[in-house]
């Protein structure tokens, strides 16, 4: 999930670009993308982009991971 959010933080991407960036198979890719979309964290049209909610989620997840792993 963090890879999705990090890749999209760089800017909107097509689905193909995003799948290559996150490096997961198509089934997992569509499952995660659908989940993020259902929860309002991404918007999808010609390109996939983070919403304000997605940006907040990324910041919270990064802070949690940094705290957990001491990065």
PDB file of N, CA and C in Angstrom:
ATOM      1  N   UNK A   1       0.828  -1.184   0.000  1.00  0.00           N
ATOM      2  CA  UNK A   1       0.000   0.000   0.000  1.00  0.00           C
ATOM      3  C   UNK A   1       0.880   1.258   0.000  1.00  0.00           C
ATOM      4  N   UNK A   2       1.936   1.220   0.783  1.00  0.00           N
ATOM      5  CA  UNK A   2       2.832   2.379   0.842  1.00  0.00           C
ATOM      6  C   UNK A   2       3.438   2.672  -0.527  1.00  0.00           C
ATOM      7  N   UNK A   3       3.741   1.617  -1.295  1.00  0.00           N
ATOM      8  CA  UNK A   3       4.314   1.831  -2.629  1.00  0.00           C
ATOM      9  C   UNK A   3       3.337   2.558  -3.549  1.00  0.00           C
ATOM     10  N   UNK A   4       2.050   2.243  -3.433  1.00  0.00           N
ATOM     11  CA  UNK A   4       1.035   2.944  -4.224  1.00  0.00           C
ATOM     12  C   UNK A   4       1.030   4.424  -3.873  1.00  0.00           C
ATOM     13  N   UNK A   5       0.956   4.699  -2.582  1.00  0.00           N
ATOM     14  CA  UNK A   5       0.866   6.086  -2.118  1.00  0.00           C
ATOM     15  C   UNK A   5       2.125   6.867  -2.468  1.00  0.00           C
ATOM     16  N   UNK A   6       3.288   6.241  -2.301  1.00  0.00           N
ATOM     17  CA  UNK A   6       4.550   6.912  -2.624  1.00  0.00           C
ATOM     18  C   UNK A   6       4.648   7.212  -4.119  1.00  0.00           C
ATOM     19  N   UNK A   7       4.274   6.241  -4.945  1.00  0.00           N
ATOM     20  CA  UNK A   7       4.347   6.442  -6.400  1.00  0.00           C
ATOM     21  C   UNK A   7       3.426   7.574  -6.833  1.00  0.00           C
ATOM     22  N   UNK A   8       2.237   7.628  -6.259  1.00  0.00           N
ATOM     23  CA  UNK A   8       1.279   8.675  -6.647  1.00  0.00           C
ATOM     24  C   UNK A   8       1.611  10.033  -6.047  1.00  0.00           C
ATOM     25  N   UNK A   9       2.403  10.054  -4.983  1.00  0.00           N
ATOM     26  CA  UNK A   9       2.819  11.329  -4.390  1.00  0.00           C
ATOM     27  C   UNK A   9       3.706  12.107  -5.363  1.00  0.00           C
ATOM     28  N   UNK A  10       4.328  11.393  -6.299  1.00  0.00           N
ATOM     29  CA  UNK A  10       5.166  12.036  -7.308  1.00  0.00           C
ATOM     30  C   UNK A  10       4.331  12.692  -8.401  1.00  0.00           C
ATOM     31  N   UNK A  11       3.044  12.375  -8.434  1.00  0.00           N
ATOM     32  CA  UNK A  11       2.148  12.952  -9.434  1.00  0.00           C
ATOM     33  C   UNK A  11       1.256  11.884 -10.040  1.00  0.00           C
ATOM     34  N   UNK A  12       0.228  12.317 -10.761  1.00  0.00           N
ATOM     35  CA  UNK A  12      -0.691  11.359 -11.385  1.00  0.00           C
ATOM     36  C   UNK A  12       0.033  10.441 -12.363  1.00  0.00           C
ATOM     37  N   UNK A  13      -0.483   9.217 -12.475  1.00  0.00           N
ATOM     38  CA  UNK A  13       0.095   8.227 -13.389  1.00  0.00           C
ATOM     39  C   UNK A  13      -1.032   7.463 -14.069  1.00  0.00           C
ATOM     40  N   UNK A  14      -0.747   6.948 -15.242  1.00  0.00           N
ATOM     41  CA  UNK A  14      -1.702   6.032 -15.853  1.00  0.00           C
ATOM     42  C   UNK A  14      -1.680   4.737 -15.044  1.00  0.00           C
ATOM     43  N   UNK A  15      -2.690   3.913 -15.243  1.00  0.00           N
ATOM     44  CA  UNK A  15      -2.721   2.629 -14.526  1.00  0.00           C
ATOM     45  C   UNK A  15      -1.487   1.792 -14.851  1.00  0.00           C
ATOM     46  N   UNK A  16      -1.078   1.782 -16.109  1.00  0.00           N
ATOM     47  CA  UNK A  16       0.104   1.001 -16.519  1.00  0.00           C
ATOM     48  C   UNK A  16       1.363   1.510 -15.830  1.00  0.00           C
ATOM     49  N   UNK A  17       1.528   2.831 -15.813  1.00  0.00           N
ATOM     50  CA  UNK A  17       2.697   3.417 -15.147  1.00  0.00           C
ATOM     51  C   UNK A  17       2.693   3.078 -13.660  1.00  0.00           C
ATOM     52  N   UNK A  18       1.527   3.161 -13.046  1.00  0.00           N
ATOM     53  CA  UNK A  18       1.430   2.884 -11.614  1.00  0.00           C
ATOM     54  C   UNK A  18       1.729   1.423 -11.326  1.00  0.00           C
ATOM     55  N   UNK A  19       1.198   0.522 -12.130  1.00  0.00           N
ATOM     56  CA  UNK A  19       1.465  -0.902 -11.897  1.00  0.00           C
ATOM     57  C   UNK A  19       2.950  -1.204 -12.009  1.00  0.00           C
ATOM     58  N   UNK A  20       3.604  -0.633 -13.016  1.00  0.00           N
ATOM     59  CA  UNK A  20       5.058  -0.833 -13.146  1.00  0.00           C
ATOM     60  C   UNK A  20       5.801  -0.251 -11.942  1.00  0.00           C
ATOM     61  N   UNK A  21       5.367   0.904 -11.467  1.00  0.00           N
ATOM     62  CA  UNK A  21       6.047   1.565 -10.343  1.00  0.00           C
ATOM     63  C   UNK A  21       5.926   0.768  -9.047  1.00  0.00           C
ATOM     64  N   UNK A  22       4.769   0.154  -8.818  1.00  0.00           N
ATOM     65  CA  UNK A  22       4.588  -0.575  -7.559  1.00  0.00           C
ATOM     66  C   UNK A  22       5.067  -2.016  -7.654  1.00  0.00           C
ATOM     67  N   UNK A  23       5.158  -2.555  -8.860  1.00  0.00           N
ATOM     68  CA  UNK A  23       5.756  -3.870  -9.053  1.00  0.00           C
ATOM     69  C   UNK A  23       4.980  -5.042  -8.477  1.00  0.00           C
ATOM     70  N   UNK A  24       3.664  -5.015  -8.606  1.00  0.00           N
ATOM     71  CA  UNK A  24       2.855  -6.152  -8.148  1.00  0.00           C
ATOM     72  C   UNK A  24       2.070  -6.710  -9.325  1.00  0.00           C
ATOM     73  N   UNK A  25       1.606  -7.960  -9.187  1.00  0.00           N
ATOM     74  CA  UNK A  25       0.847  -8.556 -10.282  1.00  0.00           C
ATOM     75  C   UNK A  25      -0.502  -7.856 -10.432  1.00  0.00           C
ATOM     76  N   UNK A  26      -1.158  -8.111 -11.555  1.00  0.00           N
ATOM     77  CA  UNK A  26      -2.377  -7.388 -11.906  1.00  0.00           C
ATOM     78  C   UNK A  26      -3.503  -7.591 -10.888  1.00  0.00           C
ATOM     79  N   UNK A  27      -3.674  -8.811 -10.389  1.00  0.00           N
ATOM     80  CA  UNK A  27      -4.754  -9.071  -9.426  1.00  0.00           C
ATOM     81  C   UNK A  27      -4.580  -8.250  -8.150  1.00  0.00           C
ATOM     82  N   UNK A  28      -3.382  -8.234  -7.627  1.00  0.00           N
ATOM     83  CA  UNK A  28      -3.112  -7.455  -6.405  1.00  0.00           C
ATOM     84  C   UNK A  28      -3.234  -5.964  -6.706  1.00  0.00           C
ATOM     85  N   UNK A  29      -2.713  -5.564  -7.850  1.00  0.00           N
ATOM     86  CA  UNK A  29      -2.788  -4.170  -8.248  1.00  0.00           C
ATOM     87  C   UNK A  29      -4.234  -3.685  -8.268  1.00  0.00           C
ATOM     88  N   UNK A  30      -5.121  -4.425  -8.940  1.00  0.00           N
ATOM     89  CA  UNK A  30      -6.518  -3.987  -9.038  1.00  0.00           C
ATOM     90  C   UNK A  30      -7.208  -4.040  -7.681  1.00  0.00           C
ATOM     91  N   UNK A  31      -6.884  -5.009  -6.861  1.00  0.00           N
ATOM     92  CA  UNK A  31      -7.487  -5.101  -5.522  1.00  0.00           C
ATOM     93  C   UNK A  31      -7.117  -3.884  -4.679  1.00  0.00           C
ATOM     94  N   UNK A  32      -5.837  -3.531  -4.663  1.00  0.00           N
ATOM     95  CA  UNK A  32      -5.393  -2.381  -3.868  1.00  0.00           C
ATOM     96  C   UNK A  32      -5.923  -1.069  -4.442  1.00  0.00           C
ATOM     97  N   UNK A  33      -5.885  -0.942  -5.753  1.00  0.00           N
ATOM     98  CA  UNK A  33      -6.371   0.285  -6.373  1.00  0.00           C
ATOM     99  C   UNK A  33      -7.866   0.466  -6.103  1.00  0.00           C
ATOM    100  N   UNK A  34      -8.638  -0.604  -6.221  1.00  0.00           N
ATOM    101  CA  UNK A  34     -10.074  -0.530  -5.926  1.00  0.00           C
ATOM    102  C   UNK A  34     -10.312  -0.129  -4.472  1.00  0.00           C
ATOM    103  N   UNK A  35      -9.545  -0.701  -3.557  1.00  0.00           N
ATOM    104  CA  UNK A  35      -9.684  -0.371  -2.133  1.00  0.00           C
ATOM    105  C   UNK A  35      -9.382   1.107  -1.884  1.00  0.00           C
ATOM    106  N   UNK A  36      -8.292   1.600  -2.455  1.00  0.00           N
ATOM    107  CA  UNK A  36      -7.939   3.011  -2.286  1.00  0.00           C
ATOM    108  C   UNK A  36      -9.011   3.926  -2.876  1.00  0.00           C
ATOM    109  N   UNK A  37      -9.560   3.509  -3.996  1.00  0.00           N
ATOM    110  CA  UNK A  37     -10.600   4.309  -4.651  1.00  0.00           C
ATOM    111  C   UNK A  37     -11.894   4.291  -3.838  1.00  0.00           C
ATOM    112  N   UNK A  38     -12.309   3.128  -3.356  1.00  0.00           N
ATOM    113  CA  UNK A  38     -13.532   3.009  -2.557  1.00  0.00           C
ATOM    114  C   UNK A  38     -13.465   3.851  -1.293  1.00  0.00           C
ATOM    115  N   UNK A  39     -12.271   3.960  -0.734  1.00  0.00           N
ATOM    116  CA  UNK A  39     -12.094   4.717   0.510  1.00  0.00           C
ATOM    117  C   UNK A  39     -11.842   6.197   0.260  1.00  0.00           C
ATOM    118  N   UNK A  40     -11.792   6.605  -1.014  1.00  0.00           N
ATOM    119  CA  UNK A  40     -11.636   8.015  -1.346  1.00  0.00           C
ATOM    120  C   UNK A  40     -10.216   8.538  -1.296  1.00  0.00           C
ATOM    121  N   UNK A  41      -9.228   7.638  -1.338  1.00  0.00           N
ATOM    122  CA  UNK A  41      -7.827   8.059  -1.259  1.00  0.00           C
ATOM    123  C   UNK A  41      -7.210   8.343  -2.621  1.00  0.00           C
ATOM    124  N   UNK A  42      -7.835   7.798  -3.692  1.00  0.00           N
ATOM    125  CA  UNK A  42      -7.372   8.088  -5.047  1.00  0.00           C
ATOM    126  C   UNK A  42      -8.569   8.360  -5.939  1.00  0.00           C
ATOM    127  N   UNK A  43      -8.302   9.097  -7.006  1.00  0.00           N
ATOM    128  CA  UNK A  43      -9.284   9.332  -8.064  1.00  0.00           C
ATOM    129  C   UNK A  43      -8.714   8.698  -9.322  1.00  0.00           C
ATOM    130  N   UNK A  44      -9.587   8.083 -10.098  1.00  0.00           N
ATOM    131  CA  UNK A  44      -9.114   7.399 -11.286  1.00  0.00           C
ATOM    132  C   UNK A  44      -9.950   7.791 -12.485  1.00  0.00           C
ATOM    133  N   UNK A  45      -9.287   8.231 -13.513  1.00  0.00           N
ATOM    134  CA  UNK A  45      -9.890   8.529 -14.808  1.00  0.00           C
ATOM    135  C   UNK A  45      -8.885   8.066 -15.835  1.00  0.00           C
ATOM    136  N   UNK A  46      -8.436   8.974 -16.683  1.00  0.00           N
ATOM    137  CA  UNK A  46      -7.334   8.627 -17.594  1.00  0.00           C
ATOM    138  C   UNK A  46      -6.062   8.352 -16.794  1.00  0.00           C
ATOM    139  N   UNK A  47      -5.933   9.049 -15.678  1.00  0.00           N
ATOM    140  CA  UNK A  47      -4.797   8.849 -14.776  1.00  0.00           C
ATOM    141  C   UNK A  47      -5.311   8.643 -13.355  1.00  0.00           C
ATOM    142  N   UNK A  48      -4.476   8.033 -12.547  1.00  0.00           N
ATOM    143  CA  UNK A  48      -4.779   7.821 -11.132  1.00  0.00           C
ATOM    144  C   UNK A  48      -4.037   8.893 -10.343  1.00  0.00           C
ATOM    145  N   UNK A  49      -4.723   9.527  -9.399  1.00  0.00           N
ATOM    146  CA  UNK A  49      -4.110  10.596  -8.606  1.00  0.00           C
ATOM    147  C   UNK A  49      -4.558  10.480  -7.154  1.00  0.00           C
ATOM    148  N   UNK A  50      -3.700  10.926  -6.251  1.00  0.00           N
ATOM    149  CA  UNK A  50      -4.063  10.985  -4.836  1.00  0.00           C
ATOM    150  C   UNK A  50      -5.058  12.111  -4.595  1.00  0.00           C
ATOM    151  N   UNK A  51      -5.979  11.879  -3.694  1.00  0.00           N
ATOM    152  CA  UNK A  51      -6.870  12.931  -3.214  1.00  0.00           C
ATOM    153  C   UNK A  51      -6.227  13.538  -1.962  1.00  0.00           C
ATOM    154  N   UNK A  52      -6.857  14.545  -1.405  1.00  0.00           N
ATOM    155  CA  UNK A  52      -6.363  15.133  -0.149  1.00  0.00           C
ATOM    156  C   UNK A  52      -6.336  14.067   0.937  1.00  0.00           C
ATOM    157  N   UNK A  53      -7.340  13.209   0.954  1.00  0.00           N
ATOM    158  CA  UNK A  53      -7.388  12.109   1.919  1.00  0.00           C
ATOM    159  C   UNK A  53      -6.219  11.150   1.709  1.00  0.00           C
ATOM    160  N   UNK A  54      -5.883  10.883   0.452  1.00  0.00           N
ATOM    161  CA  UNK A  54      -4.749  10.018   0.147  1.00  0.00           C
ATOM    162  C   UNK A  54      -3.429  10.608   0.588  1.00  0.00           C
ATOM    163  N   UNK A  55      -3.290  11.915   0.432  1.00  0.00           N
ATOM    164  CA  UNK A  55      -2.066  12.583   0.903  1.00  0.00           C
ATOM    165  C   UNK A  55      -1.941  12.483   2.420  1.00  0.00           C
ATOM    166  N   UNK A  56      -3.060  12.648   3.115  1.00  0.00           N
ATOM    167  CA  UNK A  56      -3.034  12.512   4.587  1.00  0.00           C
ATOM    168  C   UNK A  56      -2.701  11.083   4.996  1.00  0.00           C
ATOM    169  N   UNK A  57      -3.303  10.117   4.310  1.00  0.00           N
ATOM    170  CA  UNK A  57      -3.018   8.715   4.611  1.00  0.00           C
ATOM    171  C   UNK A  57      -1.542   8.411   4.406  1.00  0.00           C
ATOM    172  N   UNK A  58      -0.974   8.901   3.320  1.00  0.00           N
ATOM    173  CA  UNK A  58       0.454   8.673   3.059  1.00  0.00           C
ATOM    174  C   UNK A  58       1.304   9.256   4.177  1.00  0.00           C
ATOM    175  N   UNK A  59       1.004  10.461   4.610  1.00  0.00           N
ATOM    176  CA  UNK A  59       1.780  11.094   5.687  1.00  0.00           C
ATOM    177  C   UNK A  59       1.667  10.290   6.977  1.00  0.00           C
ATOM    178  N   UNK A  60       0.468   9.829   7.294  1.00  0.00           N
ATOM    179  CA  UNK A  60       0.260   9.041   8.517  1.00  0.00           C
ATOM    180  C   UNK A  60       0.984   7.699   8.432  1.00  0.00           C
ATOM    181  N   UNK A  61       0.893   7.053   7.272  1.00  0.00           N
ATOM    182  CA  UNK A  61       1.560   5.765   7.093  1.00  0.00           C
ATOM    183  C   UNK A  61       3.068   5.918   7.151  1.00  0.00           C
ATOM    184  N   UNK A  62       3.611   6.957   6.504  1.00  0.00           N
ATOM    185  CA  UNK A  62       5.055   7.207   6.550  1.00  0.00           C
ATOM    186  C   UNK A  62       5.511   7.454   7.996  1.00  0.00           C
ATOM    187  N   UNK A  63       4.750   8.256   8.754  1.00  0.00           N
ATOM    188  CA  UNK A  63       5.111   8.538  10.149  1.00  0.00           C
ATOM    189  C   UNK A  63       5.092   7.259  10.974  1.00  0.00           C
ATOM    190  N   UNK A  64       4.086   6.418  10.755  1.00  0.00           N
ATOM    191  CA  UNK A  64       3.977   5.163  11.489  1.00  0.00           C
ATOM    192  C   UNK A  64       5.154   4.249  11.157  1.00  0.00           C
ATOM    193  N   UNK A  65       5.486   4.126   9.867  1.00  0.00           N
ATOM    194  CA  UNK A  65       6.602   3.281   9.461  1.00  0.00           C
ATOM    195  C   UNK A  65       7.927   3.822   9.978  1.00  0.00           C
ATOM    196  N   UNK A  66       8.100   5.127   9.929  1.00  0.00           N
ATOM    197  CA  UNK A  66       9.329   5.743  10.457  1.00  0.00           C
ATOM    198  C   UNK A  66       9.477   5.472  11.947  1.00  0.00           C
ATOM    199  N   UNK A  67       8.370   5.573  12.667  1.00  0.00           N
ATOM    200  CA  UNK A  67       8.384   5.304  14.104  1.00  0.00           C
ATOM    201  C   UNK A  67       8.658   3.825  14.383  1.00  0.00           C
ATOM    202  N   UNK A  68       8.023   2.961  13.618  1.00  0.00           N
ATOM    203  CA  UNK A  68       8.169   1.517  13.817  1.00  0.00           C
ATOM    204  C   UNK A  68       9.588   1.043  13.537  1.00  0.00           C
ATOM    205  N   UNK A  69      10.170   1.541  12.445  1.00  0.00           N
ATOM    206  CA  UNK A  69      11.490   1.073  12.031  1.00  0.00           C
ATOM    207  C   UNK A  69      12.611   2.047  12.377  1.00  0.00           C
ATOM    208  N   UNK A  70      12.281   3.160  13.017  1.00  0.00           N
ATOM    209  CA  UNK A  70      13.281   4.117  13.443  1.00  0.00           C
ATOM    210  C   UNK A  70      14.050   4.768  12.308  1.00  0.00           C
ATOM    211  N   UNK A  71      13.367   4.938  11.187  1.00  0.00           N
ATOM    212  CA  UNK A  71      14.018   5.541  10.016  1.00  0.00           C
ATOM    213  C   UNK A  71      13.982   7.035  10.126  1.00  0.00           C
TER     214      UNK A  71
END
